[in-house]
Amino acid sequence: MITGPQLRAARALLGIDQRELARLAGLSPQTVQRMEACEGSVRAVVDSLEKVVTAVADAGVEMIAEGAPSQGSGRGVRLIAGRKTARDGL
């Protein structure tokens, strides 16, 4: 499953805002905003989620599922489960 933080991170890697991601995916900015607001798995219409994942992939960012190996090459990031983040107050 894709999470809100993953979408925000993917967008940050691409250097685009929510409006641009929405345009690339053919969705409304409000839909992208709702998806990114999810702290856990994104709850959205499957078609909308597929459009966002495809748009991000077409732009050059691979979404990596929990425990899955990366299929691509190049630089990337992965959040290590169970680790505290700055958001959690390291």
PDB file of N, CA and C in Angstrom:
ATOM      1  N   MET A   1       0.821  -1.192   0.000  1.00  0.00           N
ATOM      2  CA  MET A   1       0.000   0.000   0.000  1.00  0.00           C
ATOM      3  C   MET A   1       0.861   1.250   0.000  1.00  0.00           C
ATOM      4  N   ILE A   2       0.375   2.282  -0.607  1.00  0.00           N
ATOM      5  CA  ILE A   2       1.054   3.569  -0.667  1.00  0.00           C
ATOM      6  C   ILE A   2       0.539   4.423   0.482  1.00  0.00           C
ATOM      7  N   THR A   3       1.435   5.158   1.115  1.00  0.00           N
ATOM      8  CA  THR A   3       1.043   6.016   2.239  1.00  0.00           C
ATOM      9  C   THR A   3       1.122   7.489   1.860  1.00  0.00           C
ATOM     10  N   GLY A   4       0.449   8.316   2.660  1.00  0.00           N
ATOM     11  CA  GLY A   4       0.510   9.765   2.464  1.00  0.00           C
ATOM     12  C   GLY A   4       1.936  10.291   2.528  1.00  0.00           C
ATOM     13  N   PRO A   5       2.715   9.878   3.546  1.00  0.00           N
ATOM     14  CA  PRO A   5       4.105  10.339   3.603  1.00  0.00           C
ATOM     15  C   PRO A   5       4.931   9.928   2.379  1.00  0.00           C
ATOM     16  N   GLN A   6       4.652   8.743   1.817  1.00  0.00           N
ATOM     17  CA  GLN A   6       5.353   8.333   0.601  1.00  0.00           C
ATOM     18  C   GLN A   6       5.052   9.280  -0.545  1.00  0.00           C
ATOM     19  N   LEU A   7       3.784   9.644  -0.692  1.00  0.00           N
ATOM     20  CA  LEU A   7       3.412  10.565  -1.768  1.00  0.00           C
ATOM     21  C   LEU A   7       4.089  11.919  -1.585  1.00  0.00           C
ATOM     22  N   ARG A   8       4.105  12.410  -0.338  1.00  0.00           N
ATOM     23  CA  ARG A   8       4.759  13.703  -0.087  1.00  0.00           C
ATOM     24  C   ARG A   8       6.246  13.619  -0.401  1.00  0.00           C
ATOM     25  N   ALA A   9       6.882  12.503  -0.019  1.00  0.00           N
ATOM     26  CA  ALA A   9       8.310  12.326  -0.281  1.00  0.00           C
ATOM     27  C   ALA A   9       8.576  12.230  -1.782  1.00  0.00           C
ATOM     28  N   ALA A  10       7.751  11.498  -2.490  1.00  0.00           N
ATOM     29  CA  ALA A  10       7.918  11.371  -3.937  1.00  0.00           C
ATOM     30  C   ALA A  10       7.804  12.733  -4.605  1.00  0.00           C
ATOM     31  N   ARG A  11       6.828  13.509  -4.164  1.00  0.00           N
ATOM     32  CA  ARG A  11       6.636  14.842  -4.736  1.00  0.00           C
ATOM     33  C   ARG A  11       7.819  15.740  -4.425  1.00  0.00           C
ATOM     34  N   ALA A  12       8.356  15.612  -3.209  1.00  0.00           N
ATOM     35  CA  ALA A  12       9.522  16.409  -2.828  1.00  0.00           C
ATOM     36  C   ALA A  12      10.730  16.037  -3.682  1.00  0.00           C
ATOM     37  N   LEU A  13      10.928  14.733  -3.938  1.00  0.00           N
ATOM     38  CA  LEU A  13      12.039  14.312  -4.797  1.00  0.00           C
ATOM     39  C   LEU A  13      11.914  14.890  -6.201  1.00  0.00           C
ATOM     40  N   LEU A  14      10.697  15.023  -6.669  1.00  0.00           N
ATOM     41  CA  LEU A  14      10.463  15.580  -8.003  1.00  0.00           C
ATOM     42  C   LEU A  14      10.501  17.105  -8.020  1.00  0.00           C
ATOM     43  N   GLY A  15      10.401  17.709  -6.838  1.00  0.00           N
ATOM     44  CA  GLY A  15      10.404  19.167  -6.761  1.00  0.00           C
ATOM     45  C   GLY A  15       9.146  19.795  -7.330  1.00  0.00           C
ATOM     46  N   ILE A  16       8.008  19.123  -7.123  1.00  0.00           N
ATOM     47  CA  ILE A  16       6.743  19.654  -7.631  1.00  0.00           C
ATOM     48  C   ILE A  16       5.766  19.855  -6.482  1.00  0.00           C
ATOM     49  N   ASP A  17       4.770  20.694  -6.710  1.00  0.00           N
ATOM     50  CA  ASP A  17       3.758  20.915  -5.679  1.00  0.00           C
ATOM     51  C   ASP A  17       2.544  20.026  -5.949  1.00  0.00           C
ATOM     52  N   GLN A  18       1.573  20.085  -5.060  1.00  0.00           N
ATOM     53  CA  GLN A  18       0.384  19.248  -5.187  1.00  0.00           C
ATOM     54  C   GLN A  18      -0.374  19.546  -6.472  1.00  0.00           C
ATOM     55  N   ARG A  19      -0.415  20.794  -6.847  1.00  0.00           N
ATOM     56  CA  ARG A  19      -1.135  21.183  -8.059  1.00  0.00           C
ATOM     57  C   ARG A  19      -0.508  20.529  -9.294  1.00  0.00           C
ATOM     58  N   GLU A  20       0.836  20.512  -9.356  1.00  0.00           N
ATOM     59  CA  GLU A  20       1.519  19.916 -10.498  1.00  0.00           C
ATOM     60  C   GLU A  20       1.327  18.398 -10.519  1.00  0.00           C
ATOM     61  N   LEU A  21       1.392  17.753  -9.358  1.00  0.00           N
ATOM     62  CA  LEU A  21       1.157  16.309  -9.305  1.00  0.00           C
ATOM     63  C   LEU A  21      -0.270  16.001  -9.761  1.00  0.00           C
ATOM     64  N   ALA A  22      -1.208  16.795  -9.331  1.00  0.00           N
ATOM     65  CA  ALA A  22      -2.593  16.606  -9.751  1.00  0.00           C
ATOM     66  C   ALA A  22      -2.718  16.733 -11.269  1.00  0.00           C
ATOM     67  N   ARG A  23      -2.051  17.718 -11.833  1.00  0.00           N
ATOM     68  CA  ARG A  23      -2.085  17.905 -13.288  1.00  0.00           C
ATOM     69  C   ARG A  23      -1.494  16.698 -14.004  1.00  0.00           C
ATOM     70  N   LEU A  24      -0.346  16.224 -13.525  1.00  0.00           N
ATOM     71  CA  LEU A  24       0.306  15.074 -14.144  1.00  0.00           C
ATOM     72  C   LEU A  24      -0.561  13.820 -14.067  1.00  0.00           C
ATOM     73  N   ALA A  25      -1.319  13.688 -12.977  1.00  0.00           N
ATOM     74  CA  ALA A  25      -2.158  12.512 -12.768  1.00  0.00           C
ATOM     75  C   ALA A  25      -3.561  12.664 -13.355  1.00  0.00           C
ATOM     76  N   GLY A  26      -3.908  13.868 -13.777  1.00  0.00           N
ATOM     77  CA  GLY A  26      -5.250  14.100 -14.306  1.00  0.00           C
ATOM     78  C   GLY A  26      -6.311  14.098 -13.226  1.00  0.00           C
ATOM     79  N   LEU A  27      -5.942  14.592 -12.051  1.00  0.00           N
ATOM     80  CA  LEU A  27      -6.856  14.646 -10.914  1.00  0.00           C
ATOM     81  C   LEU A  27      -6.971  16.075 -10.398  1.00  0.00           C
ATOM     82  N   SER A  28      -7.882  16.291  -9.467  1.00  0.00           N
ATOM     83  CA  SER A  28      -7.996  17.616  -8.863  1.00  0.00           C
ATOM     84  C   SER A  28      -6.931  17.770  -7.775  1.00  0.00           C
ATOM     85  N   PRO A  29      -6.479  19.002  -7.541  1.00  0.00           N
ATOM     86  CA  PRO A  29      -5.528  19.230  -6.449  1.00  0.00           C
ATOM     87  C   PRO A  29      -6.081  18.782  -5.096  1.00  0.00           C
ATOM     88  N   GLN A  30      -7.395  18.884  -4.909  1.00  0.00           N
ATOM     89  CA  GLN A  30      -8.010  18.476  -3.652  1.00  0.00           C
ATOM     90  C   GLN A  30      -7.871  16.963  -3.439  1.00  0.00           C
ATOM     91  N   THR A  31      -7.941  16.185  -4.519  1.00  0.00           N
ATOM     92  CA  THR A  31      -7.780  14.740  -4.408  1.00  0.00           C
ATOM     93  C   THR A  31      -6.366  14.394  -3.947  1.00  0.00           C
ATOM     94  N   VAL A  32      -5.372  15.037  -4.544  1.00  0.00           N
ATOM     95  CA  VAL A  32      -3.983  14.805  -4.140  1.00  0.00           C
ATOM     96  C   VAL A  32      -3.786  15.245  -2.694  1.00  0.00           C
ATOM     97  N   GLN A  33      -4.366  16.375  -2.324  1.00  0.00           N
ATOM     98  CA  GLN A  33      -4.248  16.874  -0.955  1.00  0.00           C
ATOM     99  C   GLN A  33      -4.821  15.860   0.037  1.00  0.00           C
ATOM    100  N   ARG A  34      -5.989  15.290  -0.268  1.00  0.00           N
ATOM    101  CA  ARG A  34      -6.601  14.288   0.615  1.00  0.00           C
ATOM    102  C   ARG A  34      -5.728  13.042   0.718  1.00  0.00           C
ATOM    103  N   MET A  35      -5.161  12.617  -0.395  1.00  0.00           N
ATOM    104  CA  MET A  35      -4.294  11.436  -0.386  1.00  0.00           C
ATOM    105  C   MET A  35      -3.072  11.670   0.500  1.00  0.00           C
ATOM    106  N   GLU A  36      -2.454  12.810   0.354  1.00  0.00           N
ATOM    107  CA  GLU A  36      -1.254  13.126   1.122  1.00  0.00           C
ATOM    108  C   GLU A  36      -1.552  13.341   2.601  1.00  0.00           C
ATOM    109  N   ALA A  37      -2.777  13.685   2.936  1.00  0.00           N
ATOM    110  CA  ALA A  37      -3.145  13.928   4.332  1.00  0.00           C
ATOM    111  C   ALA A  37      -3.256  12.630   5.136  1.00  0.00           C
ATOM    112  N   CYS A  38      -3.363  11.497   4.457  1.00  0.00           N
ATOM    113  CA  CYS A  38      -3.442  10.202   5.144  1.00  0.00           C
ATOM    114  C   CYS A  38      -2.102   9.906   5.796  1.00  0.00           C
ATOM    115  N   GLU A  39      -2.113   9.587   7.076  1.00  0.00           N
ATOM    116  CA  GLU A  39      -0.864   9.236   7.760  1.00  0.00           C
ATOM    117  C   GLU A  39      -0.478   7.797   7.485  1.00  0.00           C
ATOM    118  N   GLY A  40      -1.466   6.942   7.295  1.00  0.00           N
ATOM    119  CA  GLY A  40      -1.201   5.551   6.962  1.00  0.00           C
ATOM    120  C   GLY A  40      -1.438   5.335   5.482  1.00  0.00           C
ATOM    121  N   SER A  41      -1.957   4.165   5.150  1.00  0.00           N
ATOM    122  CA  SER A  41      -2.254   3.841   3.757  1.00  0.00           C
ATOM    123  C   SER A  41      -3.266   4.825   3.190  1.00  0.00           C
ATOM    124  N   VAL A  42      -3.032   5.215   1.956  1.00  0.00           N
ATOM    125  CA  VAL A  42      -3.922   6.162   1.288  1.00  0.00           C
ATOM    126  C   VAL A  42      -5.252   5.481   1.033  1.00  0.00           C
ATOM    127  N   ARG A  43      -6.301   6.154   1.439  1.00  0.00           N
ATOM    128  CA  ARG A  43      -7.651   5.663   1.175  1.00  0.00           C
ATOM    129  C   ARG A  43      -8.207   6.506   0.041  1.00  0.00           C
ATOM    130  N   ALA A  44      -8.313   5.882  -1.122  1.00  0.00           N
ATOM    131  CA  ALA A  44      -8.788   6.608  -2.295  1.00  0.00           C
ATOM    132  C   ALA A  44      -9.381   5.612  -3.276  1.00  0.00           C
ATOM    133  N   VAL A  45     -10.066   6.125  -4.263  1.00  0.00           N
ATOM    134  CA  VAL A  45     -10.553   5.297  -5.355  1.00  0.00           C
ATOM    135  C   VAL A  45      -9.321   4.689  -6.027  1.00  0.00           C
ATOM    136  N   VAL A  46      -9.358   3.396  -6.270  1.00  0.00           N
ATOM    137  CA  VAL A  46      -8.200   2.690  -6.825  1.00  0.00           C
ATOM    138  C   VAL A  46      -7.713   3.358  -8.104  1.00  0.00           C
ATOM    139  N   ASP A  47      -8.622   3.762  -8.966  1.00  0.00           N
ATOM    140  CA  ASP A  47      -8.253   4.408 -10.227  1.00  0.00           C
ATOM    141  C   ASP A  47      -7.452   5.687  -9.974  1.00  0.00           C
ATOM    142  N   SER A  48      -7.867   6.472  -8.995  1.00  0.00           N
ATOM    143  CA  SER A  48      -7.165   7.717  -8.678  1.00  0.00           C
ATOM    144  C   SER A  48      -5.765   7.432  -8.136  1.00  0.00           C
ATOM    145  N   LEU A  49      -5.671   6.439  -7.267  1.00  0.00           N
ATOM    146  CA  LEU A  49      -4.374   6.077  -6.707  1.00  0.00           C
ATOM    147  C   LEU A  49      -3.439   5.575  -7.804  1.00  0.00           C
ATOM    148  N   GLU A  50      -3.962   4.760  -8.717  1.00  0.00           N
ATOM    149  CA  GLU A  50      -3.147   4.257  -9.826  1.00  0.00           C
ATOM    150  C   GLU A  50      -2.655   5.416 -10.698  1.00  0.00           C
ATOM    151  N   LYS A  51      -3.495   6.417 -10.912  1.00  0.00           N
ATOM    152  CA  LYS A  51      -3.090   7.572 -11.712  1.00  0.00           C
ATOM    153  C   LYS A  51      -1.934   8.320 -11.056  1.00  0.00           C
ATOM    154  N   VAL A  52      -1.995   8.477  -9.738  1.00  0.00           N
ATOM    155  CA  VAL A  52      -0.927   9.184  -9.024  1.00  0.00           C
ATOM    156  C   VAL A  52       0.366   8.378  -9.059  1.00  0.00           C
ATOM    157  N   VAL A  53       0.279   7.081  -8.796  1.00  0.00           N
ATOM    158  CA  VAL A  53       1.468   6.227  -8.801  1.00  0.00           C
ATOM    159  C   VAL A  53       2.091   6.209 -10.193  1.00  0.00           C
ATOM    160  N   THR A  54       1.270   6.127 -11.230  1.00  0.00           N
ATOM    161  CA  THR A  54       1.775   6.140 -12.604  1.00  0.00           C
ATOM    162  C   THR A  54       2.430   7.470 -12.938  1.00  0.00           C
ATOM    163  N   ALA A  55       1.808   8.568 -12.526  1.00  0.00           N
ATOM    164  CA  ALA A  55       2.375   9.895 -12.801  1.00  0.00           C
ATOM    165  C   ALA A  55       3.726  10.060 -12.124  1.00  0.00           C
ATOM    166  N   VAL A  56       3.830   9.600 -10.884  1.00  0.00           N
ATOM    167  CA  VAL A  56       5.091   9.696 -10.141  1.00  0.00           C
ATOM    168  C   VAL A  56       6.154   8.822 -10.818  1.00  0.00           C
ATOM    169  N   ALA A  57       5.769   7.608 -11.215  1.00  0.00           N
ATOM    170  CA  ALA A  57       6.712   6.711 -11.882  1.00  0.00           C
ATOM    171  C   ALA A  57       7.165   7.285 -13.222  1.00  0.00           C
ATOM    172  N   ASP A  58       6.228   7.825 -13.988  1.00  0.00           N
ATOM    173  CA  ASP A  58       6.576   8.416 -15.282  1.00  0.00           C
ATOM    174  C   ASP A  58       7.523   9.598 -15.122  1.00  0.00           C
ATOM    175  N   ALA A  59       7.416  10.279 -13.977  1.00  0.00           N
ATOM    176  CA  ALA A  59       8.286  11.427 -13.701  1.00  0.00           C
ATOM    177  C   ALA A  59       9.646  10.988 -13.153  1.00  0.00           C
ATOM    178  N   GLY A  60       9.769   9.692 -12.796  1.00  0.00           N
ATOM    179  CA  GLY A  60      11.070   9.184 -12.396  1.00  0.00           C
ATOM    180  C   GLY A  60      11.239   8.750 -10.954  1.00  0.00           C
ATOM    181  N   VAL A  61      10.141   8.570 -10.212  1.00  0.00           N
ATOM    182  CA  VAL A  61      10.252   8.133  -8.821  1.00  0.00           C
ATOM    183  C   VAL A  61       9.533   6.799  -8.660  1.00  0.00           C
ATOM    184  N   GLU A  62      10.239   5.819  -8.113  1.00  0.00           N
ATOM    185  CA  GLU A  62       9.679   4.499  -7.871  1.00  0.00           C
ATOM    186  C   GLU A  62       9.073   4.452  -6.473  1.00  0.00           C
ATOM    187  N   MET A  63       7.834   4.026  -6.376  1.00  0.00           N
ATOM    188  CA  MET A  63       7.180   3.844  -5.086  1.00  0.00           C
ATOM    189  C   MET A  63       7.500   2.430  -4.623  1.00  0.00           C
ATOM    190  N   ILE A  64       8.102   2.284  -3.451  1.00  0.00           N
ATOM    191  CA  ILE A  64       8.525   0.977  -2.950  1.00  0.00           C
ATOM    192  C   ILE A  64       7.586   0.545  -1.833  1.00  0.00           C
ATOM    193  N   ALA A  65       6.958  -0.599  -2.022  1.00  0.00           N
ATOM    194  CA  ALA A  65       6.045  -1.126  -1.004  1.00  0.00           C
ATOM    195  C   ALA A  65       6.832  -1.649   0.190  1.00  0.00           C
ATOM    196  N   GLU A  66       6.173  -1.750   1.332  1.00  0.00           N
ATOM    197  CA  GLU A  66       6.793  -2.263   2.553  1.00  0.00           C
ATOM    198  C   GLU A  66       7.431  -3.617   2.300  1.00  0.00           C
ATOM    199  N   GLY A  67       8.716  -3.746   2.581  1.00  0.00           N
ATOM    200  CA  GLY A  67       9.424  -5.010   2.448  1.00  0.00           C
ATOM    201  C   GLY A  67       9.789  -5.416   1.040  1.00  0.00           C
ATOM    202  N   ALA A  68       9.433  -4.599   0.059  1.00  0.00           N
ATOM    203  CA  ALA A  68       9.720  -4.952  -1.334  1.00  0.00           C
ATOM    204  C   ALA A  68      11.096  -4.453  -1.746  1.00  0.00           C
ATOM    205  N   PRO A  69      11.779  -5.214  -2.593  1.00  0.00           N
ATOM    206  CA  PRO A  69      13.062  -4.723  -3.114  1.00  0.00           C
ATOM    207  C   PRO A  69      12.810  -3.662  -4.171  1.00  0.00           C
ATOM    208  N   SER A  70      13.762  -2.807  -4.381  1.00  0.00           N
ATOM    209  CA  SER A  70      13.657  -1.797  -5.428  1.00  0.00           C
ATOM    210  C   SER A  70      13.939  -2.451  -6.772  1.00  0.00           C
ATOM    211  N   GLN A  71      13.117  -2.156  -7.756  1.00  0.00           N
ATOM    212  CA  GLN A  71      13.299  -2.718  -9.093  1.00  0.00           C
ATOM    213  C   GLN A  71      14.169  -1.832  -9.977  1.00  0.00           C
ATOM    214  N   GLY A  72      14.368  -0.600  -9.568  1.00  0.00           N
ATOM    215  CA  GLY A  72      15.112   0.333 -10.394  1.00  0.00           C
ATOM    216  C   GLY A  72      16.546   0.488  -9.951  1.00  0.00           C
ATOM    217  N   SER A  73      17.178   1.443 -10.553  1.00  0.00           N
ATOM    218  CA  SER A  73      18.533   1.784 -10.146  1.00  0.00           C
ATOM    219  C   SER A  73      18.574   3.268  -9.877  1.00  0.00           C
ATOM    220  N   GLY A  74      19.629   3.735  -9.269  1.00  0.00           N
ATOM    221  CA  GLY A  74      19.742   5.146  -8.949  1.00  0.00           C
ATOM    222  C   GLY A  74      19.553   5.392  -7.476  1.00  0.00           C
ATOM    223  N   ARG A  75      19.584   6.643  -7.105  1.00  0.00           N
ATOM    224  CA  ARG A  75      19.460   7.012  -5.705  1.00  0.00           C
ATOM    225  C   ARG A  75      18.018   6.914  -5.251  1.00  0.00           C
ATOM    226  N   GLY A  76      17.830   6.796  -3.948  1.00  0.00           N
ATOM    227  CA  GLY A  76      16.479   6.740  -3.422  1.00  0.00           C
ATOM    228  C   GLY A  76      16.491   6.788  -1.913  1.00  0.00           C
ATOM    229  N   VAL A  77      15.311   6.747  -1.346  1.00  0.00           N
ATOM    230  CA  VAL A  77      15.176   6.758   0.104  1.00  0.00           C
ATOM    231  C   VAL A  77      14.150   5.724   0.510  1.00  0.00           C
ATOM    232  N   ARG A  78      14.312   5.223   1.720  1.00  0.00           N
ATOM    233  CA  ARG A  78      13.329   4.302   2.293  1.00  0.00           C
ATOM    234  C   ARG A  78      13.272   4.585   3.780  1.00  0.00           C
ATOM    235  N   LEU A  79      12.090   4.765   4.326  1.00  0.00           N
ATOM    236  CA  LEU A  79      11.906   4.964   5.752  1.00  0.00           C
ATOM    237  C   LEU A  79      12.033   3.619   6.453  1.00  0.00           C
ATOM    238  N   ILE A  80      12.869   3.546   7.459  1.00  0.00           N
ATOM    239  CA  ILE A  80      13.066   2.310   8.203  1.00  0.00           C
ATOM    240  C   ILE A  80      11.974   2.206   9.254  1.00  0.00           C
ATOM    241  N   ALA A  81      11.178   1.147   9.165  1.00  0.00           N
ATOM    242  CA  ALA A  81      10.061   0.959  10.084  1.00  0.00           C
ATOM    243  C   ALA A  81      10.549   0.901  11.528  1.00  0.00           C
ATOM    244  N   GLY A  82       9.792   1.537  12.397  1.00  0.00           N
ATOM    245  CA  GLY A  82      10.096   1.493  13.826  1.00  0.00           C
ATOM    246  C   GLY A  82      11.049   2.568  14.294  1.00  0.00           C
ATOM    247  N   ARG A  83      11.680   3.272  13.407  1.00  0.00           N
ATOM    248  CA  ARG A  83      12.599   4.333  13.800  1.00  0.00           C
ATOM    249  C   ARG A  83      11.827   5.613  14.044  1.00  0.00           C
ATOM    250  N   LYS A  84      12.259   6.359  15.033  1.00  0.00           N
ATOM    251  CA  LYS A  84      11.645   7.663  15.299  1.00  0.00           C
ATOM    252  C   LYS A  84      12.121   8.656  14.248  1.00  0.00           C
ATOM    253  N   THR A  85      11.234   9.534  13.868  1.00  0.00           N
ATOM    254  CA  THR A  85      11.579  10.579  12.917  1.00  0.00           C
ATOM    255  C   THR A  85      11.536  11.932  13.616  1.00  0.00           C
ATOM    256  N   ALA A  86      11.987  12.947  12.910  1.00  0.00           N
ATOM    257  CA  ALA A  86      11.937  14.297  13.468  1.00  0.00           C
ATOM    258  C   ALA A  86      10.510  14.673  13.836  1.00  0.00           C
ATOM    259  N   ARG A  87       9.583  14.177  13.068  1.00  0.00           N
ATOM    260  CA  ARG A  87       8.176  14.444  13.304  1.00  0.00           C
ATOM    261  C   ARG A  87       7.729  13.857  14.649  1.00  0.00           C
ATOM    262  N   ASP A  88       8.349  12.732  15.032  1.00  0.00           N
ATOM    263  CA  ASP A  88       8.019  12.077  16.285  1.00  0.00           C
ATOM    264  C   ASP A  88       8.760  12.696  17.463  1.00  0.00           C
ATOM    265  N   GLY A  89       9.642  13.634  17.201  1.00  0.00           N
ATOM    266  CA  GLY A  89      10.397  14.276  18.271  1.00  0.00           C
ATOM    267  C   GLY A  89      11.649  13.517  18.642  1.00  0.00           C
ATOM    268  N   LEU A  90      12.332  12.976  17.620  1.00  0.00           N
ATOM    269  CA  LEU A  90      13.590  12.239  17.836  1.00  0.00           C
ATOM    270  C   LEU A  90      14.015  12.342  19.229  1.00  0.00           C
TER     271      LEU A  90
END
